[in-house]
């Protein structure tokens, strides 16, 4: 499946999750749909590991795993319902989920440990971790970034979903992150700054080389991307969509399907 078609399928499932009785973290899930599509359907190989640090974007991850065939599509309809294993944050035991995540600020450390283990075992796999920009306000992220740069972990790729909004508003109004690429570079990372909805640009950016340095891809995205009435709105962080809004959202997403 090509990445643009995969992104449409991922967005459709996110919207259906948000239309369920419990709603979903819809804005931040939609913003990373193109990133997940590119990583899982273009960039990553069989030996690579993926970690979703922004665990609240679980609907996007579950949708991706279903498109990959690791989950049954019908299981997505159980999201956040009693008895389901598809919690609001990913839990261990789900195919394709390396670690339970959701407490923000820990995914990069987990990725570094995995990358170190891969190096010690003589493996060739890379470790990809998707970070939310809001979680970069956690000090543990920068401790981990400093360590990765010091160790020259060139099998580590961190992609930042830079949608510039968090639950309480703009990231820059709460605790400014810019110049974000410069911050990673200061810790010894190679950095690339791209449009997070340009799948070709993302694909090129998330690949090597990163000779003796970890790679940070700053993916500039729009919260709620693909659904006009959700785009760029803080209120899209968590929402329950009424049936009429689900229909409107699915129509908007289908309009992006490649012909």
C-alpha atoms as a PDB file:
ATOM      1  CA  UNK A   1       0.000   0.000   0.000  1.00  0.00           C
ATOM      2  CA  UNK A   2       1.342   3.475  -0.826  1.00  0.00           C
ATOM      3  CA  UNK A   3       1.838   5.933   2.012  1.00  0.00           C
ATOM      4  CA  UNK A   4      -0.881   8.402   0.984  1.00  0.00           C
ATOM      5  CA  UNK A   5      -3.504   5.658   0.821  1.00  0.00           C
ATOM      6  CA  UNK A   6      -2.307   4.293   4.156  1.00  0.00           C
ATOM      7  CA  UNK A   7      -2.664   7.772   5.688  1.00  0.00           C
ATOM      8  CA  UNK A   8      -6.275   7.951   4.491  1.00  0.00           C
ATOM      9  CA  UNK A   9      -7.047   4.570   6.056  1.00  0.00           C
ATOM     10  CA  UNK A  10      -5.379   5.614   9.314  1.00  0.00           C
ATOM     11  CA  UNK A  11      -7.379   8.851   9.463  1.00  0.00           C
ATOM     12  CA  UNK A  12     -10.653   6.993   8.780  1.00  0.00           C
ATOM     13  CA  UNK A  13     -10.042   4.731  11.773  1.00  0.00           C
ATOM     14  CA  UNK A  14      -9.101   7.651  14.026  1.00  0.00           C
ATOM     15  CA  UNK A  15     -12.369   9.383  13.182  1.00  0.00           C
ATOM     16  CA  UNK A  16     -14.370   6.242  13.872  1.00  0.00           C
ATOM     17  CA  UNK A  17     -12.636   5.957  17.277  1.00  0.00           C
ATOM     18  CA  UNK A  18     -13.549   9.568  18.053  1.00  0.00           C
ATOM     19  CA  UNK A  19     -17.150   8.755  17.134  1.00  0.00           C
ATOM     20  CA  UNK A  20     -17.310   6.073  19.830  1.00  0.00           C
ATOM     21  CA  UNK A  21     -18.926   6.612  23.234  1.00  0.00           C
ATOM     22  CA  UNK A  22     -15.654   7.546  24.918  1.00  0.00           C
ATOM     23  CA  UNK A  23     -14.283   9.798  22.165  1.00  0.00           C
ATOM     24  CA  UNK A  24     -10.542   9.916  21.511  1.00  0.00           C
ATOM     25  CA  UNK A  25      -7.406  12.015  21.363  1.00  0.00           C
ATOM     26  CA  UNK A  26      -8.308  12.920  17.828  1.00  0.00           C
ATOM     27  CA  UNK A  27      -6.286  16.078  17.075  1.00  0.00           C
ATOM     28  CA  UNK A  28      -2.862  14.690  17.917  1.00  0.00           C
ATOM     29  CA  UNK A  29      -3.712  11.372  16.276  1.00  0.00           C
ATOM     30  CA  UNK A  30      -4.642  13.049  12.998  1.00  0.00           C
ATOM     31  CA  UNK A  31      -1.526  15.231  13.061  1.00  0.00           C
ATOM     32  CA  UNK A  32       0.759  12.169  13.078  1.00  0.00           C
ATOM     33  CA  UNK A  33      -1.155  10.041  10.535  1.00  0.00           C
ATOM     34  CA  UNK A  34       1.188  10.905   7.662  1.00  0.00           C
ATOM     35  CA  UNK A  35       4.255  10.283   9.832  1.00  0.00           C
ATOM     36  CA  UNK A  36       3.035   6.829  10.840  1.00  0.00           C
ATOM     37  CA  UNK A  37       2.154   5.978   7.253  1.00  0.00           C
ATOM     38  CA  UNK A  38       5.604   6.951   5.995  1.00  0.00           C
ATOM     39  CA  UNK A  39       7.482   5.136   8.755  1.00  0.00           C
ATOM     40  CA  UNK A  40       5.473   1.915   8.616  1.00  0.00           C
ATOM     41  CA  UNK A  41       4.817   1.669   4.873  1.00  0.00           C
ATOM     42  CA  UNK A  42       7.984   3.135   3.410  1.00  0.00           C
ATOM     43  CA  UNK A  43      10.925   3.723   5.720  1.00  0.00           C
ATOM     44  CA  UNK A  44      11.036   0.961   8.339  1.00  0.00           C
ATOM     45  CA  UNK A  45      12.353  -2.513   7.657  1.00  0.00           C
ATOM     46  CA  UNK A  46      11.641  -5.844   9.326  1.00  0.00           C
ATOM     47  CA  UNK A  47      14.515  -5.444  11.790  1.00  0.00           C
ATOM     48  CA  UNK A  48      13.479  -1.962  12.909  1.00  0.00           C
ATOM     49  CA  UNK A  49      11.600  -1.067  16.085  1.00  0.00           C
ATOM     50  CA  UNK A  50       8.920   1.607  16.500  1.00  0.00           C
ATOM     51  CA  UNK A  51       7.991   3.294  19.791  1.00  0.00           C
ATOM     52  CA  UNK A  52       5.044   5.669  20.158  1.00  0.00           C
ATOM     53  CA  UNK A  53       6.182   8.023  22.899  1.00  0.00           C
ATOM     54  CA  UNK A  54       3.070  10.231  22.580  1.00  0.00           C
ATOM     55  CA  UNK A  55       0.966   7.314  23.784  1.00  0.00           C
ATOM     56  CA  UNK A  56      -2.293   9.271  23.775  1.00  0.00           C
ATOM     57  CA  UNK A  57      -2.176   9.015  19.963  1.00  0.00           C
ATOM     58  CA  UNK A  58      -3.007   5.334  20.379  1.00  0.00           C
ATOM     59  CA  UNK A  59      -5.929   5.478  17.893  1.00  0.00           C
ATOM     60  CA  UNK A  60      -3.431   6.372  15.161  1.00  0.00           C
ATOM     61  CA  UNK A  61      -1.103   3.530  16.168  1.00  0.00           C
ATOM     62  CA  UNK A  62      -3.919   0.951  16.348  1.00  0.00           C
ATOM     63  CA  UNK A  63      -5.128   2.054  12.922  1.00  0.00           C
ATOM     64  CA  UNK A  64      -1.611   1.696  11.525  1.00  0.00           C
ATOM     65  CA  UNK A  65      -1.227  -1.789  12.979  1.00  0.00           C
ATOM     66  CA  UNK A  66      -4.570  -2.785  11.473  1.00  0.00           C
ATOM     67  CA  UNK A  67      -3.569  -1.540   8.025  1.00  0.00           C
ATOM     68  CA  UNK A  68      -0.346  -3.538   8.406  1.00  0.00           C
ATOM     69  CA  UNK A  69      -2.403  -6.625   9.213  1.00  0.00           C
ATOM     70  CA  UNK A  70      -1.146  -6.966  12.788  1.00  0.00           C
ATOM     71  CA  UNK A  71      -4.629  -6.277  14.192  1.00  0.00           C
ATOM     72  CA  UNK A  72      -8.005  -7.310  12.822  1.00  0.00           C
ATOM     73  CA  UNK A  73      -9.854  -4.281  11.462  1.00  0.00           C
ATOM     74  CA  UNK A  74     -12.957  -5.304  13.404  1.00  0.00           C
ATOM     75  CA  UNK A  75     -11.020  -5.020  16.672  1.00  0.00           C
ATOM     76  CA  UNK A  76     -10.648  -1.267  16.150  1.00  0.00           C
ATOM     77  CA  UNK A  77     -14.370  -0.930  16.871  1.00  0.00           C
ATOM     78  CA  UNK A  78     -13.688  -2.115  20.437  1.00  0.00           C
ATOM     79  CA  UNK A  79     -11.435   0.876  21.154  1.00  0.00           C
ATOM     80  CA  UNK A  80     -11.784   2.067  24.785  1.00  0.00           C
ATOM     81  CA  UNK A  81     -14.794  -0.170  25.359  1.00  0.00           C
ATOM     82  CA  UNK A  82     -15.137  -2.521  28.347  1.00  0.00           C
ATOM     83  CA  UNK A  83     -13.168  -5.724  27.829  1.00  0.00           C
ATOM     84  CA  UNK A  84     -11.078  -4.357  24.969  1.00  0.00           C
ATOM     85  CA  UNK A  85      -7.279  -4.553  24.967  1.00  0.00           C
ATOM     86  CA  UNK A  86      -7.180  -1.328  22.944  1.00  0.00           C
ATOM     87  CA  UNK A  87      -6.870   1.127  25.814  1.00  0.00           C
ATOM     88  CA  UNK A  88      -6.602   4.877  25.456  1.00  0.00           C
ATOM     89  CA  UNK A  89      -2.829   4.389  25.717  1.00  0.00           C
ATOM     90  CA  UNK A  90      -0.973   1.409  24.183  1.00  0.00           C
ATOM     91  CA  UNK A  91      -0.325  -1.533  26.465  1.00  0.00           C
ATOM     92  CA  UNK A  92       2.113  -4.394  26.168  1.00  0.00           C
ATOM     93  CA  UNK A  93       0.925  -7.587  24.516  1.00  0.00           C
ATOM     94  CA  UNK A  94      -0.537  -5.927  21.422  1.00  0.00           C
ATOM     95  CA  UNK A  95       1.289  -7.001  18.247  1.00  0.00           C
ATOM     96  CA  UNK A  96       3.558  -4.189  17.085  1.00  0.00           C
ATOM     97  CA  UNK A  97       3.624  -2.428  20.473  1.00  0.00           C
ATOM     98  CA  UNK A  98       7.152  -2.593  21.897  1.00  0.00           C
ATOM     99  CA  UNK A  99       6.398  -0.810  25.172  1.00  0.00           C
ATOM    100  CA  UNK A 100       3.344   0.508  27.019  1.00  0.00           C
ATOM    101  CA  UNK A 101       3.492   4.291  26.692  1.00  0.00           C
ATOM    102  CA  UNK A 102       1.457   7.250  27.726  1.00  0.00           C
ATOM    103  CA  UNK A 103       3.283   8.813  30.631  1.00  0.00           C
ATOM    104  CA  UNK A 104       4.969  11.483  28.553  1.00  0.00           C
ATOM    105  CA  UNK A 105       8.701  12.004  28.461  1.00  0.00           C
ATOM    106  CA  UNK A 106       9.789   8.361  28.626  1.00  0.00           C
ATOM    107  CA  UNK A 107       9.694   7.185  25.004  1.00  0.00           C
ATOM    108  CA  UNK A 108      13.056   8.606  24.010  1.00  0.00           C
ATOM    109  CA  UNK A 109      14.773   6.900  26.947  1.00  0.00           C
ATOM    110  CA  UNK A 110      13.152   3.593  25.995  1.00  0.00           C
ATOM    111  CA  UNK A 111      14.271   4.088  22.404  1.00  0.00           C
ATOM    112  CA  UNK A 112      17.846   4.783  23.496  1.00  0.00           C
ATOM    113  CA  UNK A 113      17.957   1.620  25.588  1.00  0.00           C
ATOM    114  CA  UNK A 114      16.619  -0.382  22.651  1.00  0.00           C
ATOM    115  CA  UNK A 115      19.142   1.180  20.265  1.00  0.00           C
ATOM    116  CA  UNK A 116      22.004   0.439  22.667  1.00  0.00           C
ATOM    117  CA  UNK A 117      20.845  -3.163  22.964  1.00  0.00           C
ATOM    118  CA  UNK A 118      20.699  -3.477  19.193  1.00  0.00           C
ATOM    119  CA  UNK A 119      24.255  -2.154  18.946  1.00  0.00           C
ATOM    120  CA  UNK A 120      25.560  -4.492  21.667  1.00  0.00           C
ATOM    121  CA  UNK A 121      23.968  -7.478  19.922  1.00  0.00           C
ATOM    122  CA  UNK A 122      25.582  -6.506  16.630  1.00  0.00           C
ATOM    123  CA  UNK A 123      22.179  -5.938  15.058  1.00  0.00           C
ATOM    124  CA  UNK A 124      21.498  -3.731  12.070  1.00  0.00           C
ATOM    125  CA  UNK A 125      18.000  -2.583  12.997  1.00  0.00           C
ATOM    126  CA  UNK A 126      17.140   1.035  13.632  1.00  0.00           C
ATOM    127  CA  UNK A 127      14.877   2.376  16.368  1.00  0.00           C
ATOM    128  CA  UNK A 128      12.253   4.957  15.452  1.00  0.00           C
ATOM    129  CA  UNK A 129      10.471   6.917  18.171  1.00  0.00           C
ATOM    130  CA  UNK A 130       7.599   9.355  17.626  1.00  0.00           C
ATOM    131  CA  UNK A 131       7.559  12.212  20.133  1.00  0.00           C
ATOM    132  CA  UNK A 132       4.891  14.813  20.743  1.00  0.00           C
ATOM    133  CA  UNK A 133       6.114  18.381  20.929  1.00  0.00           C
ATOM    134  CA  UNK A 134       4.291  19.050  24.201  1.00  0.00           C
ATOM    135  CA  UNK A 135       6.188  16.233  25.888  1.00  0.00           C
ATOM    136  CA  UNK A 136       9.479  17.912  24.993  1.00  0.00           C
ATOM    137  CA  UNK A 137       8.812  20.144  27.982  1.00  0.00           C
ATOM    138  CA  UNK A 138       9.725  17.151  30.177  1.00  0.00           C
ATOM    139  CA  UNK A 139      13.301  17.331  31.446  1.00  0.00           C
ATOM    140  CA  UNK A 140      13.795  13.585  30.981  1.00  0.00           C
ATOM    141  CA  UNK A 141      13.605  14.070  27.188  1.00  0.00           C
ATOM    142  CA  UNK A 142      16.630  16.340  27.209  1.00  0.00           C
ATOM    143  CA  UNK A 143      18.614  14.122  29.549  1.00  0.00           C
ATOM    144  CA  UNK A 144      18.003  11.308  27.076  1.00  0.00           C
ATOM    145  CA  UNK A 145      18.841  13.518  24.080  1.00  0.00           C
ATOM    146  CA  UNK A 146      22.129  14.518  25.691  1.00  0.00           C
ATOM    147  CA  UNK A 147      23.043  10.875  26.309  1.00  0.00           C
ATOM    148  CA  UNK A 148      22.139   9.739  22.778  1.00  0.00           C
ATOM    149  CA  UNK A 149      24.317  12.439  21.275  1.00  0.00           C
ATOM    150  CA  UNK A 150      27.222  11.569  23.554  1.00  0.00           C
ATOM    151  CA  UNK A 151      27.013   7.891  22.589  1.00  0.00           C
ATOM    152  CA  UNK A 152      26.688   8.658  18.865  1.00  0.00           C
ATOM    153  CA  UNK A 153      23.623   6.443  18.437  1.00  0.00           C
ATOM    154  CA  UNK A 154      23.390   6.449  14.661  1.00  0.00           C
ATOM    155  CA  UNK A 155      20.741   3.704  14.741  1.00  0.00           C
ATOM    156  CA  UNK A 156      18.264   6.014  16.479  1.00  0.00           C
ATOM    157  CA  UNK A 157      15.737   8.269  14.708  1.00  0.00           C
ATOM    158  CA  UNK A 158      13.427  10.559  16.694  1.00  0.00           C
ATOM    159  CA  UNK A 159      10.530  12.125  14.808  1.00  0.00           C
ATOM    160  CA  UNK A 160       8.831  15.059  16.536  1.00  0.00           C
ATOM    161  CA  UNK A 161       5.157  15.650  15.702  1.00  0.00           C
ATOM    162  CA  UNK A 162       5.496  19.433  15.807  1.00  0.00           C
ATOM    163  CA  UNK A 163       1.848  20.556  15.706  1.00  0.00           C
ATOM    164  CA  UNK A 164       2.612  23.429  18.139  1.00  0.00           C
ATOM    165  CA  UNK A 165      -0.485  22.821  20.284  1.00  0.00           C
ATOM    166  CA  UNK A 166      -0.910  21.030  23.586  1.00  0.00           C
ATOM    167  CA  UNK A 167      -3.960  20.463  25.739  1.00  0.00           C
ATOM    168  CA  UNK A 168      -3.830  23.941  27.282  1.00  0.00           C
ATOM    169  CA  UNK A 169      -2.873  25.947  24.199  1.00  0.00           C
ATOM    170  CA  UNK A 170       0.189  26.871  22.189  1.00  0.00           C
ATOM    171  CA  UNK A 171       3.454  25.174  23.139  1.00  0.00           C
ATOM    172  CA  UNK A 172       5.249  28.457  22.597  1.00  0.00           C
ATOM    173  CA  UNK A 173       2.977  30.265  25.052  1.00  0.00           C
ATOM    174  CA  UNK A 174       3.433  27.570  27.719  1.00  0.00           C
ATOM    175  CA  UNK A 175       7.181  26.846  27.462  1.00  0.00           C
ATOM    176  CA  UNK A 176       8.794  27.783  24.161  1.00  0.00           C
ATOM    177  CA  UNK A 177      10.637  25.064  22.255  1.00  0.00           C
ATOM    178  CA  UNK A 178      12.160  26.971  19.357  1.00  0.00           C
ATOM    179  CA  UNK A 179      14.678  26.809  17.851  1.00  0.00           C
ATOM    180  CA  UNK A 180      13.814  23.129  18.210  1.00  0.00           C
ATOM    181  CA  UNK A 181      16.233  21.724  15.632  1.00  0.00           C
ATOM    182  CA  UNK A 182      19.007  23.800  17.184  1.00  0.00           C
ATOM    183  CA  UNK A 183      18.330  22.283  20.598  1.00  0.00           C
ATOM    184  CA  UNK A 184      18.780  18.749  19.310  1.00  0.00           C
ATOM    185  CA  UNK A 185      21.846  19.835  17.336  1.00  0.00           C
ATOM    186  CA  UNK A 186      23.368  21.272  20.495  1.00  0.00           C
ATOM    187  CA  UNK A 187      23.267  17.765  21.981  1.00  0.00           C
ATOM    188  CA  UNK A 188      25.081  16.264  19.004  1.00  0.00           C
ATOM    189  CA  UNK A 189      22.136  15.206  16.832  1.00  0.00           C
ATOM    190  CA  UNK A 190      21.806  15.520  13.088  1.00  0.00           C
ATOM    191  CA  UNK A 191      18.565  17.393  12.439  1.00  0.00           C
ATOM    192  CA  UNK A 192      16.123  17.763   9.572  1.00  0.00           C
ATOM    193  CA  UNK A 193      13.147  20.119   9.494  1.00  0.00           C
ATOM    194  CA  UNK A 194      10.309  19.158   7.121  1.00  0.00           C
ATOM    195  CA  UNK A 195       6.609  19.538   6.318  1.00  0.00           C
ATOM    196  CA  UNK A 196       5.080  16.707   8.342  1.00  0.00           C
ATOM    197  CA  UNK A 197       2.281  16.189   5.837  1.00  0.00           C
ATOM    198  CA  UNK A 198       4.562  15.948   2.777  1.00  0.00           C
ATOM    199  CA  UNK A 199       5.032  12.195   2.590  1.00  0.00           C
ATOM    200  CA  UNK A 200       7.869  12.409   0.046  1.00  0.00           C
ATOM    201  CA  UNK A 201       9.790  14.908   2.181  1.00  0.00           C
ATOM    202  CA  UNK A 202       9.182  12.843   5.303  1.00  0.00           C
ATOM    203  CA  UNK A 203      10.407   9.700   3.615  1.00  0.00           C
ATOM    204  CA  UNK A 204      13.637  11.361   2.539  1.00  0.00           C
ATOM    205  CA  UNK A 205      14.188  12.981   5.945  1.00  0.00           C
ATOM    206  CA  UNK A 206      13.660   9.855   8.049  1.00  0.00           C
ATOM    207  CA  UNK A 207      16.333   7.866   6.242  1.00  0.00           C
ATOM    208  CA  UNK A 208      20.092   8.015   6.847  1.00  0.00           C
ATOM    209  CA  UNK A 209      22.781   8.990   6.731  1.00  0.00           C
ATOM    210  CA  UNK A 210      23.333   9.849  10.358  1.00  0.00           C
ATOM    211  CA  UNK A 211      26.982   8.932  10.613  1.00  0.00           C
ATOM    212  CA  UNK A 212      27.849   8.475  14.291  1.00  0.00           C
ATOM    213  CA  UNK A 213      24.988  10.737  15.298  1.00  0.00           C
ATOM    214  CA  UNK A 214      21.337  10.160  16.165  1.00  0.00           C
ATOM    215  CA  UNK A 215      18.848  11.791  13.808  1.00  0.00           C
ATOM    216  CA  UNK A 216      16.007  14.132  14.835  1.00  0.00           C
ATOM    217  CA  UNK A 217      13.310  14.885  12.262  1.00  0.00           C
ATOM    218  CA  UNK A 218      11.203  17.919  13.141  1.00  0.00           C
ATOM    219  CA  UNK A 219       7.941  17.226  11.310  1.00  0.00           C
ATOM    220  CA  UNK A 220       5.855  20.413  11.081  1.00  0.00           C
ATOM    221  CA  UNK A 221       2.226  19.315  11.294  1.00  0.00           C
ATOM    222  CA  UNK A 222      -1.280  20.650  11.899  1.00  0.00           C
ATOM    223  CA  UNK A 223      -3.312  19.363  14.813  1.00  0.00           C
ATOM    224  CA  UNK A 224      -6.474  17.719  13.445  1.00  0.00           C
ATOM    225  CA  UNK A 225      -4.930  17.529   9.966  1.00  0.00           C
ATOM    226  CA  UNK A 226      -7.311  16.354   7.250  1.00  0.00           C
ATOM    227  CA  UNK A 227     -10.523  17.452   8.975  1.00  0.00           C
ATOM    228  CA  UNK A 228     -11.134  21.179   8.425  1.00  0.00           C
ATOM    229  CA  UNK A 229     -13.383  21.741  11.422  1.00  0.00           C
ATOM    230  CA  UNK A 230     -10.693  20.260  13.707  1.00  0.00           C
ATOM    231  CA  UNK A 231      -7.541  21.680  12.141  1.00  0.00           C
ATOM    232  CA  UNK A 232      -5.430  23.981  14.284  1.00  0.00           C
ATOM    233  CA  UNK A 233      -7.847  23.904  17.198  1.00  0.00           C
ATOM    234  CA  UNK A 234      -6.799  23.203  20.786  1.00  0.00           C
ATOM    235  CA  UNK A 235     -10.279  21.777  21.382  1.00  0.00           C
ATOM    236  CA  UNK A 236      -9.461  18.895  19.026  1.00  0.00           C
ATOM    237  CA  UNK A 237      -6.999  17.510  21.593  1.00  0.00           C
ATOM    238  CA  UNK A 238      -9.713  15.185  22.909  1.00  0.00           C
ATOM    239  CA  UNK A 239     -13.163  15.046  21.375  1.00  0.00           C
ATOM    240  CA  UNK A 240     -16.223  12.904  20.963  1.00  0.00           C
ATOM    241  CA  UNK A 241     -17.671  13.359  17.488  1.00  0.00           C
ATOM    242  CA  UNK A 242     -21.407  13.174  16.920  1.00  0.00           C
ATOM    243  CA  UNK A 243     -22.581  11.015  13.986  1.00  0.00           C
ATOM    244  CA  UNK A 244     -23.040  14.051  11.722  1.00  0.00           C
ATOM    245  CA  UNK A 245     -19.513  15.240  12.465  1.00  0.00           C
ATOM    246  CA  UNK A 246     -18.166  11.738  11.809  1.00  0.00           C
ATOM    247  CA  UNK A 247     -19.816  11.805   8.368  1.00  0.00           C
ATOM    248  CA  UNK A 248     -18.366  15.243   7.596  1.00  0.00           C
ATOM    249  CA  UNK A 249     -14.912  14.198   8.751  1.00  0.00           C
ATOM    250  CA  UNK A 250     -14.922  10.982   6.715  1.00  0.00           C
ATOM    251  CA  UNK A 251     -16.006  12.917   3.614  1.00  0.00           C
ATOM    252  CA  UNK A 252     -13.101  15.325   4.081  1.00  0.00           C
ATOM    253  CA  UNK A 253     -10.615  12.500   4.545  1.00  0.00           C
ATOM    254  CA  UNK A 254     -11.872  10.573   1.524  1.00  0.00           C
ATOM    255  CA  UNK A 255     -11.267  13.646  -0.620  1.00  0.00           C
ATOM    256  CA  UNK A 256      -7.537  13.123   0.044  1.00  0.00           C
ATOM    257  CA  UNK A 257      -7.520   9.551  -1.248  1.00  0.00           C
ATOM    258  CA  UNK A 258      -5.129   9.171  -4.201  1.00  0.00           C
ATOM    259  CA  UNK A 259      -6.846   8.485  -7.519  1.00  0.00           C
END
